[in-house]
N, C-alpha and C. Protein backbone atom coordinates (compact mmCIF):
# COMPACT_ATOMS: atom_id res chain seq x y z
N MET A 1 -40.50 28.89 -28.00
CA MET A 1 -40.33 27.82 -26.60
C MET A 1 -39.54 26.39 -26.50
N LYS A 2 -39.78 25.94 -27.77
CA LYS A 2 -39.14 24.81 -27.81
C LYS A 2 -37.61 25.28 -28.08
N ASN A 3 -37.05 26.35 -28.60
CA ASN A 3 -35.85 26.60 -29.34
C ASN A 3 -35.04 26.52 -27.79
N VAL A 4 -35.70 27.59 -26.51
CA VAL A 4 -35.12 27.60 -26.00
C VAL A 4 -34.98 26.63 -24.42
N ILE A 5 -36.29 25.36 -24.97
CA ILE A 5 -35.54 24.62 -23.90
C ILE A 5 -34.11 23.56 -24.28
N ILE A 6 -34.37 23.62 -25.74
CA ILE A 6 -33.13 22.94 -26.91
C ILE A 6 -31.87 23.30 -26.49
N ILE A 7 -31.80 25.23 -26.24
CA ILE A 7 -30.71 25.28 -26.19
C ILE A 7 -30.14 25.18 -24.82
N ALA A 8 -31.42 25.31 -23.18
CA ALA A 8 -30.89 25.13 -22.32
C ALA A 8 -30.34 23.97 -22.08
N ILE A 9 -30.50 22.95 -22.91
CA ILE A 9 -30.33 20.88 -22.20
C ILE A 9 -28.88 21.09 -23.65
N ILE A 10 -28.76 22.15 -24.34
CA ILE A 10 -27.16 21.75 -25.01
C ILE A 10 -26.30 22.60 -24.39
N LEU A 11 -26.81 23.56 -23.27
CA LEU A 11 -25.87 24.07 -22.32
C LEU A 11 -25.75 23.47 -21.47
N PHE A 12 -26.57 22.82 -20.32
CA PHE A 12 -26.40 22.06 -19.44
C PHE A 12 -25.31 21.35 -19.41
N SER A 13 -25.74 20.41 -20.87
CA SER A 13 -24.61 19.01 -21.26
C SER A 13 -23.54 19.83 -21.15
N SER A 14 -23.28 19.90 -21.76
CA SER A 14 -22.06 21.21 -21.84
C SER A 14 -21.41 21.22 -20.87
N PHE A 15 -21.99 21.90 -19.77
CA PHE A 15 -21.45 22.09 -18.37
C PHE A 15 -20.83 20.62 -17.64
N GLN A 16 -21.83 19.82 -18.04
CA GLN A 16 -21.33 18.24 -17.39
C GLN A 16 -20.60 17.81 -17.99
N SER A 17 -19.99 17.84 -19.58
CA SER A 17 -18.76 17.51 -19.71
C SER A 17 -17.60 17.99 -19.03
N PHE A 18 -17.67 19.77 -18.70
CA PHE A 18 -16.54 19.86 -18.49
C PHE A 18 -15.90 19.36 -16.94
N ALA A 19 -16.51 18.71 -16.03
CA ALA A 19 -16.59 18.15 -14.85
C ALA A 19 -15.30 17.78 -15.05
N GLN A 20 -14.69 17.72 -14.04
CA GLN A 20 -13.05 16.52 -13.65
C GLN A 20 -13.12 15.77 -13.07
N THR A 21 -12.07 14.81 -13.08
CA THR A 21 -12.11 14.12 -12.17
C THR A 21 -10.74 13.71 -11.91
N ASP A 22 -10.08 13.75 -10.82
CA ASP A 22 -8.38 13.84 -10.49
C ASP A 22 -8.02 12.28 -10.60
N THR A 23 -7.86 12.04 -12.30
CA THR A 23 -7.39 10.64 -12.25
C THR A 23 -5.72 10.09 -12.13
N ALA A 24 -4.89 10.94 -11.38
CA ALA A 24 -3.53 11.13 -11.41
C ALA A 24 -3.14 10.30 -10.41
N LYS A 25 -1.87 8.96 -11.02
CA LYS A 25 -1.18 8.51 -10.17
C LYS A 25 -0.25 8.66 -9.84
N VAL A 26 -0.49 8.42 -8.49
CA VAL A 26 0.81 8.66 -7.65
C VAL A 26 1.22 7.00 -7.07
N GLU A 27 2.48 6.80 -6.96
CA GLU A 27 3.25 5.93 -6.70
C GLU A 27 3.05 6.07 -4.85
N GLN A 28 3.44 5.08 -4.41
CA GLN A 28 3.82 4.93 -2.44
C GLN A 28 4.45 3.82 -3.14
N TYR A 29 5.53 3.79 -1.78
CA TYR A 29 6.06 2.61 -1.09
C TYR A 29 5.71 2.05 -0.26
N ALA A 30 6.11 0.64 0.07
CA ALA A 30 6.47 -0.12 1.43
C ALA A 30 7.41 -1.16 1.40
N GLU A 31 7.56 -1.43 2.79
CA GLU A 31 8.92 -2.23 2.86
C GLU A 31 8.56 -3.27 3.72
N ILE A 32 9.15 -4.65 3.55
CA ILE A 32 8.91 -5.98 4.08
C ILE A 32 10.08 -6.32 5.02
N VAL A 33 10.32 -5.60 6.23
CA VAL A 33 11.67 -6.28 6.90
C VAL A 33 11.44 -7.83 7.76
N ALA A 34 12.12 -8.46 7.17
CA ALA A 34 12.23 -9.84 7.85
C ALA A 34 12.89 -9.77 8.62
N THR A 35 13.24 -10.44 9.88
CA THR A 35 13.95 -10.35 10.93
C THR A 35 14.01 -11.69 11.18
N PRO A 36 15.46 -12.67 11.28
CA PRO A 36 15.37 -13.76 12.20
C PRO A 36 14.82 -14.21 13.22
N ARG A 37 14.36 -15.01 13.72
CA ARG A 37 14.14 -15.07 14.88
C ARG A 37 15.31 -15.77 16.16
N LEU A 38 15.32 -15.78 17.31
CA LEU A 38 16.63 -16.14 18.07
C LEU A 38 16.40 -17.44 18.48
N LEU A 39 17.32 -18.34 17.91
CA LEU A 39 16.53 -20.22 18.33
C LEU A 39 16.27 -20.42 17.63
N SER A 40 15.15 -20.02 16.23
CA SER A 40 15.00 -20.53 15.66
C SER A 40 14.86 -20.49 13.76
N ASN A 41 13.87 -21.38 13.31
CA ASN A 41 14.44 -20.91 11.65
C ASN A 41 13.12 -20.45 11.09
N LYS A 42 12.04 -19.32 11.58
CA LYS A 42 11.16 -18.95 11.86
C LYS A 42 12.10 -17.17 11.89
N VAL A 43 11.11 -16.34 10.91
CA VAL A 43 11.30 -14.87 11.03
C VAL A 43 10.27 -14.01 11.43
N THR A 44 10.40 -12.86 12.08
CA THR A 44 9.72 -11.80 11.80
C THR A 44 9.18 -11.21 10.87
N ILE A 45 8.01 -10.78 10.75
CA ILE A 45 7.47 -9.83 9.39
C ILE A 45 7.34 -8.37 9.98
N ALA A 46 7.96 -7.27 8.95
CA ALA A 46 7.06 -6.16 9.86
C ALA A 46 6.74 -5.73 8.64
N ILE A 47 6.03 -5.20 7.93
CA ILE A 47 5.28 -3.94 7.07
C ILE A 47 5.56 -2.80 7.48
N ASP A 48 6.38 -2.07 6.66
CA ASP A 48 5.95 -0.35 6.77
C ASP A 48 5.44 0.38 5.57
N TYR A 49 3.94 1.15 5.26
CA TYR A 49 3.36 1.63 4.79
C TYR A 49 4.11 3.00 4.90
N GLY A 50 5.12 3.11 5.78
CA GLY A 50 4.94 5.03 6.38
C GLY A 50 4.35 5.99 6.87
N GLU A 51 3.34 4.93 7.78
CA GLU A 51 2.56 5.57 8.67
C GLU A 51 2.84 5.94 9.81
N GLU A 52 3.01 6.74 10.45
CA GLU A 52 3.22 7.55 11.45
C GLU A 52 3.37 6.41 12.53
N LYS A 53 4.53 6.10 13.18
CA LYS A 53 4.34 4.97 14.69
C LYS A 53 3.75 5.93 15.66
N SER A 54 2.96 5.10 16.82
CA SER A 54 2.84 5.83 18.47
C SER A 54 2.74 4.62 18.81
N ILE A 55 3.24 4.78 20.43
CA ILE A 55 3.38 3.57 21.56
C ILE A 55 1.95 3.71 22.16
N TRP A 56 0.86 4.73 21.24
CA TRP A 56 -0.52 4.56 21.70
C TRP A 56 -1.76 3.98 20.73
N LYS A 57 -1.25 4.07 19.30
CA LYS A 57 -2.03 3.12 18.37
C LYS A 57 -0.84 1.91 17.92
N ASP A 58 -1.80 1.02 17.56
CA ASP A 58 -1.33 -0.57 16.74
C ASP A 58 -1.60 -0.11 15.49
N ASN A 59 -0.41 -0.22 14.71
CA ASN A 59 -0.08 -0.21 13.50
C ASN A 59 0.25 -1.65 12.83
N ARG A 60 0.13 -2.21 13.36
CA ARG A 60 0.44 -3.53 12.95
C ARG A 60 -0.86 -4.37 11.89
N LEU A 61 -0.49 -5.23 11.02
CA LEU A 61 -1.63 -5.70 10.22
C LEU A 61 -2.07 -6.19 10.57
N LYS A 62 -3.33 -6.09 10.31
CA LYS A 62 -4.79 -7.00 10.72
C LYS A 62 -5.56 -7.82 9.92
N GLU A 63 -5.86 -8.91 10.29
CA GLU A 63 -7.29 -9.80 9.05
C GLU A 63 -8.02 -8.99 9.23
N ASP A 64 -9.63 -9.57 8.09
CA ASP A 64 -10.74 -8.68 8.30
C ASP A 64 -10.97 -9.00 9.69
N ASP A 65 -11.12 -9.99 10.96
CA ASP A 65 -12.04 -10.01 11.71
C ASP A 65 -11.09 -9.32 13.30
N GLY A 66 -10.28 -8.48 12.53
CA GLY A 66 -9.48 -7.55 13.58
C GLY A 66 -8.03 -8.49 14.12
N ARG A 67 -7.65 -9.94 13.98
CA ARG A 67 -6.81 -10.74 14.71
C ARG A 67 -5.54 -10.16 13.38
N LEU A 68 -4.04 -10.27 14.30
CA LEU A 68 -2.90 -9.64 13.81
C LEU A 68 -2.94 -10.92 13.32
N LYS A 69 -2.08 -9.97 11.90
CA LYS A 69 -1.78 -10.82 10.32
C LYS A 69 -0.54 -11.73 10.58
N LYS A 70 -0.26 -12.98 10.50
CA LYS A 70 0.52 -13.50 10.69
C LYS A 70 1.54 -14.21 9.42
N PHE A 71 2.54 -14.30 9.01
CA PHE A 71 3.02 -15.29 8.05
C PHE A 71 3.72 -16.08 8.68
N ASN A 72 3.69 -17.39 7.39
CA ASN A 72 4.40 -18.77 8.07
C ASN A 72 5.82 -18.20 7.53
N THR A 73 6.02 -17.56 6.33
CA THR A 73 7.85 -17.64 5.95
C THR A 73 7.95 -16.05 5.35
N THR A 74 8.82 -15.65 4.95
CA THR A 74 9.27 -14.49 3.95
C THR A 74 8.58 -14.63 2.72
N ILE A 75 8.44 -15.46 1.80
CA ILE A 75 7.57 -15.84 1.28
C ILE A 75 6.51 -15.80 1.05
N ASP A 76 5.44 -16.17 1.99
CA ASP A 76 4.24 -16.02 2.48
C ASP A 76 3.90 -14.32 2.61
N ALA A 77 5.04 -13.84 3.17
CA ALA A 77 4.93 -12.56 2.84
C ALA A 77 4.90 -11.59 1.64
N LEU A 78 5.87 -11.80 0.92
CA LEU A 78 6.19 -10.87 -0.72
C LEU A 78 5.21 -11.48 -1.09
N ASN A 79 4.39 -12.95 -1.10
CA ASN A 79 3.30 -13.42 -2.09
C ASN A 79 1.88 -12.74 -1.27
N TYR A 80 1.87 -12.59 0.16
CA TYR A 80 0.96 -11.49 -0.02
C TYR A 80 0.94 -10.03 -0.65
N MET A 81 2.14 -9.44 -0.15
CA MET A 81 2.22 -7.83 -0.94
C MET A 81 1.82 -8.31 -2.79
N GLY A 82 2.41 -9.29 -2.90
CA GLY A 82 1.89 -9.52 -4.51
C GLY A 82 0.67 -9.65 -5.21
N GLN A 83 -0.05 -10.63 -4.36
CA GLN A 83 -1.50 -10.68 -4.46
C GLN A 83 -2.66 -9.13 -4.03
N ASP A 84 -2.11 -8.45 -3.73
CA ASP A 84 -2.64 -6.75 -3.30
C ASP A 84 -2.32 -6.47 -4.10
N GLY A 85 -1.34 -5.81 -5.45
CA GLY A 85 -0.99 -5.48 -6.30
C GLY A 85 0.19 -4.90 -6.19
N TRP A 86 0.98 -4.64 -4.96
CA TRP A 86 2.46 -4.47 -4.94
C TRP A 86 3.37 -5.22 -5.62
N LYS A 87 4.74 -4.53 -6.13
CA LYS A 87 5.37 -4.48 -6.83
C LYS A 87 6.68 -4.51 -6.44
N LEU A 88 7.78 -5.31 -6.62
CA LEU A 88 8.89 -5.44 -5.83
C LEU A 88 9.44 -4.78 -6.75
N VAL A 89 10.71 -4.03 -5.99
CA VAL A 89 11.74 -3.18 -6.55
C VAL A 89 12.71 -3.22 -5.77
N ASN A 90 13.24 -3.27 -4.97
CA ASN A 90 14.65 -4.09 -4.52
C ASN A 90 14.79 -5.11 -3.02
N ALA A 91 15.35 -5.40 -3.20
CA ALA A 91 15.52 -6.33 -1.49
C ALA A 91 17.72 -6.52 -1.35
N PHE A 92 17.50 -6.11 -0.32
CA PHE A 92 18.66 -6.39 0.53
C PHE A 92 19.16 -6.60 1.28
N PRO A 93 20.39 -7.30 2.03
CA PRO A 93 20.31 -7.89 3.51
C PRO A 93 21.05 -6.71 4.06
N VAL A 94 20.20 -6.35 5.25
CA VAL A 94 21.53 -5.41 6.31
C VAL A 94 22.08 -6.13 7.52
N PHE A 95 23.21 -6.38 7.57
CA PHE A 95 24.18 -7.18 8.31
C PHE A 95 24.00 -6.86 9.89
N VAL A 96 23.30 -7.12 10.52
CA VAL A 96 23.46 -6.72 12.15
C VAL A 96 24.44 -7.71 12.72
N GLY A 97 25.36 -7.43 13.68
CA GLY A 97 26.20 -8.45 14.22
C GLY A 97 26.84 -9.01 13.14
N THR A 98 28.03 -10.19 14.03
CA THR A 98 28.52 -10.85 13.33
C THR A 98 27.61 -12.13 12.35
N ASN A 99 26.97 -12.71 12.67
CA ASN A 99 26.15 -13.85 12.16
C ASN A 99 24.80 -13.46 11.63
N SER A 100 24.12 -12.52 11.19
CA SER A 100 22.49 -11.99 11.94
C SER A 100 22.44 -11.13 10.82
N GLN A 101 21.71 -11.35 9.70
CA GLN A 101 20.84 -10.09 8.63
C GLN A 101 19.86 -10.39 8.52
N VAL A 102 19.50 -8.58 8.46
CA VAL A 102 18.38 -8.61 8.49
C VAL A 102 17.59 -7.95 6.90
N TYR A 103 16.47 -8.78 6.25
CA TYR A 103 16.55 -8.60 5.14
C TYR A 103 15.08 -7.24 4.76
N HIS A 104 15.25 -6.67 3.84
CA HIS A 104 14.78 -5.48 3.67
C HIS A 104 13.74 -5.72 1.93
N TYR A 105 12.82 -5.48 2.06
CA TYR A 105 12.04 -5.69 0.41
C TYR A 105 11.55 -4.64 0.22
N VAL A 106 11.51 -3.67 -0.71
CA VAL A 106 10.85 -2.69 -1.00
C VAL A 106 9.66 -2.97 -2.05
N PHE A 107 8.59 -2.67 -2.03
CA PHE A 107 7.51 -2.85 -2.87
C PHE A 107 7.35 -1.39 -3.48
N LYS A 108 6.43 -0.96 -4.63
CA LYS A 108 5.84 0.03 -5.16
C LYS A 108 4.68 -0.44 -5.23
N LYS A 109 3.53 0.74 -5.79
CA LYS A 109 1.91 0.31 -6.22
C LYS A 109 1.68 1.88 -6.95
N SER A 110 0.70 2.09 -7.90
CA SER A 110 0.42 3.22 -8.19
C SER A 110 -1.16 3.41 -7.47
N PHE A 111 -1.52 4.62 -7.21
CA PHE A 111 -2.87 4.64 -6.19
C PHE A 111 -2.92 5.92 -6.89
N SER A 112 -4.36 6.15 -7.45
CA SER A 112 -4.74 7.30 -7.70
C SER A 112 -5.02 8.77 -6.49
N ARG A 113 -5.13 9.58 -7.21
CA ARG A 113 -4.98 10.68 -6.17
C ARG A 113 -6.15 11.00 -4.96
N SER A 114 -7.75 10.65 -5.17
CA SER A 114 -8.78 10.09 -4.29
C SER A 114 -8.31 9.00 -3.49
N GLU A 115 -7.50 8.11 -3.98
CA GLU A 115 -7.07 6.92 -3.01
C GLU A 115 -6.35 7.32 -1.66
N ILE A 116 -5.42 8.26 -1.99
CA ILE A 116 -4.78 8.28 -1.10
C ILE A 116 -5.25 9.17 0.60
N ALA A 117 -5.30 8.88 1.38
CA ALA A 117 -5.36 9.64 2.55
C ALA A 117 -4.39 10.80 2.97
N GLN A 118 -4.78 11.74 2.87
CA GLN A 118 -4.17 13.04 3.42
C GLN A 118 -3.92 13.86 5.09
């Protein structure tokens, strides 16, 4: 009887050791777009995580208490992304009109497959 219990324990523990978790990493990208405000030194910051846009859903970045997240400067937004684990990949200006530039900053971050919402 002892041998049967020992064999059962060994078999049960061997099944547990074959359990797999999905630890594969997936890179996700985000983009910050900094647009100068009209007649001001400040900029408007938009962060695009690649989510679906809709006029019925507010996709803007919010604080924990539900208020809209505001950034003082472009550097403030870049620091926010860095503190959240995002790594800067590329930065480039896009010329709009003759005197205006819109700056784009592309970031990437690795997530496990289980963290990505399908």
